[in-house]
Amino acid sequence: MLSKIQQEAKEVLTNYIEKNQLRKTPERFSILEMIYDTEGHFDAEQLYINIKNKSINVSRATVYNTLDVLVACELVTKHQFGSNHAVYEKAYGSKQHDHLI
């Protein structure tokens, strides 16, 4: 069962996909659900491994492409803390917090 925040995030993603004429794939929604079940920051590779551990069939490229879509529709925030390594965190329904570098 999806939480209220997860259901609202799913609706935001659905609206964004329809507005931008993107494909509405089950993999995108599985990735969104996995992100909204995750606490704190994560990187794309960590997310990919977590998805594979849940036996969800999705490629690395799909994870990266979906992260770009989720950033564009403001469901996920991307951070680069002084390196080439990006970390992400859920944005919708989350409390604002600061990052110390």
Protein backbone atom coordinates (compact mmCIF):
# COMPACT_ATOMS: atom_id res chain seq x y z
CA MET A 1 0.00 0.00 0.00
CA LEU A 2 1.36 3.39 -0.98
CA SER A 3 1.53 6.18 1.57
CA LYS A 4 -0.25 9.46 0.91
CA ILE A 5 3.06 11.10 -0.10
CA GLN A 6 3.90 8.21 -2.45
CA GLN A 7 0.46 8.39 -4.06
CA GLU A 8 0.76 12.16 -4.55
CA ALA A 9 4.29 11.77 -5.97
CA LYS A 10 2.97 9.14 -8.38
CA GLU A 11 0.28 11.59 -9.53
CA VAL A 12 2.90 14.33 -10.06
CA LEU A 13 4.97 11.93 -12.16
CA THR A 14 1.93 10.80 -14.15
CA ASN A 15 0.98 14.41 -14.92
CA TYR A 16 4.55 15.27 -15.92
CA ILE A 17 4.81 12.23 -18.20
CA GLU A 18 1.50 13.02 -19.90
CA LYS A 19 2.30 16.73 -20.28
CA ASN A 20 5.70 15.99 -21.83
CA GLN A 21 4.46 13.05 -23.92
CA LEU A 22 6.87 10.58 -22.34
CA ARG A 23 6.29 6.85 -22.08
CA LYS A 24 4.44 5.76 -18.95
CA THR A 25 6.40 2.65 -18.00
CA PRO A 26 6.03 0.47 -14.91
CA GLU A 27 9.81 0.72 -14.38
CA ARG A 28 9.59 4.48 -13.81
CA PHE A 29 6.95 3.99 -11.15
CA SER A 30 8.92 1.16 -9.51
CA ILE A 31 11.98 3.44 -9.31
CA LEU A 32 9.86 6.25 -7.84
CA GLU A 33 8.42 3.89 -5.23
CA MET A 34 11.90 2.62 -4.32
CA ILE A 35 13.14 6.19 -3.88
CA TYR A 36 10.21 7.14 -1.67
CA ASP A 37 10.86 4.05 0.47
CA THR A 38 14.48 5.21 0.94
CA GLU A 39 15.54 7.51 3.75
CA GLY A 40 18.34 10.01 3.25
CA HIS A 41 20.69 10.46 0.33
CA PHE A 42 21.50 7.83 -2.27
CA ASP A 43 23.43 7.63 -5.52
CA ALA A 44 22.28 6.14 -8.81
CA GLU A 45 24.39 3.01 -8.43
CA GLN A 46 23.09 2.37 -4.91
CA LEU A 47 19.53 2.80 -6.19
CA TYR A 48 20.20 0.39 -9.07
CA ILE A 49 21.56 -2.25 -6.68
CA ASN A 50 18.56 -1.84 -4.33
CA ILE A 51 16.18 -2.26 -7.26
CA LYS A 52 18.01 -5.38 -8.48
CA ASN A 53 17.93 -6.81 -4.95
CA LYS A 54 14.12 -6.50 -5.07
CA SER A 55 14.17 -8.52 -8.32
CA ILE A 56 12.82 -5.64 -10.38
CA ASN A 57 14.02 -5.95 -13.96
CA VAL A 58 15.40 -2.53 -14.90
CA SER A 59 18.58 -1.42 -16.62
CA ARG A 60 21.18 0.99 -15.29
CA ALA A 61 20.32 3.38 -18.14
CA THR A 62 16.66 3.35 -17.11
CA VAL A 63 17.64 4.29 -13.55
CA TYR A 64 19.75 7.23 -14.75
CA ASN A 65 17.13 8.40 -17.26
CA THR A 66 14.34 8.12 -14.70
CA LEU A 67 16.37 10.10 -12.17
CA ASP A 68 16.67 12.88 -14.76
CA VAL A 69 12.88 12.86 -15.23
CA LEU A 70 12.26 12.87 -11.48
CA VAL A 71 14.64 15.81 -11.02
CA ALA A 72 12.91 17.68 -13.85
CA CYS A 73 9.49 17.26 -12.23
CA GLU A 74 10.92 18.17 -8.81
CA LEU A 75 10.19 14.84 -7.12
CA VAL A 76 13.91 14.27 -6.51
CA THR A 77 16.72 16.71 -5.75
CA LYS A 78 20.20 16.20 -7.17
CA HIS A 79 23.28 17.34 -5.22
CA GLN A 80 26.91 17.46 -6.20
CA PHE A 81 29.03 18.22 -3.18
CA GLY A 82 32.26 19.34 -4.83
CA SER A 83 32.90 16.17 -6.81
CA ASN A 84 31.72 14.48 -9.96
CA HIS A 85 29.67 12.10 -7.82
CA ALA A 86 25.98 13.05 -7.64
CA VAL A 87 23.71 12.09 -4.78
CA TYR A 88 19.95 12.35 -4.74
CA GLU A 89 17.14 12.59 -2.23
CA LYS A 90 13.39 12.63 -2.42
CA ALA A 91 12.00 16.15 -2.55
CA TYR A 92 8.21 15.91 -2.53
CA GLY A 93 6.75 16.06 0.96
CA SER A 94 10.18 16.19 2.60
CA LYS A 95 11.31 18.73 5.13
CA GLN A 96 13.85 21.30 3.96
CA HIS A 97 17.28 20.79 5.46
CA ASP A 98 20.77 22.19 4.97
CA HIS A 99 23.90 20.42 3.83
CA LEU A 100 27.33 21.17 5.25
CA ILE A 101 30.21 20.84 2.84
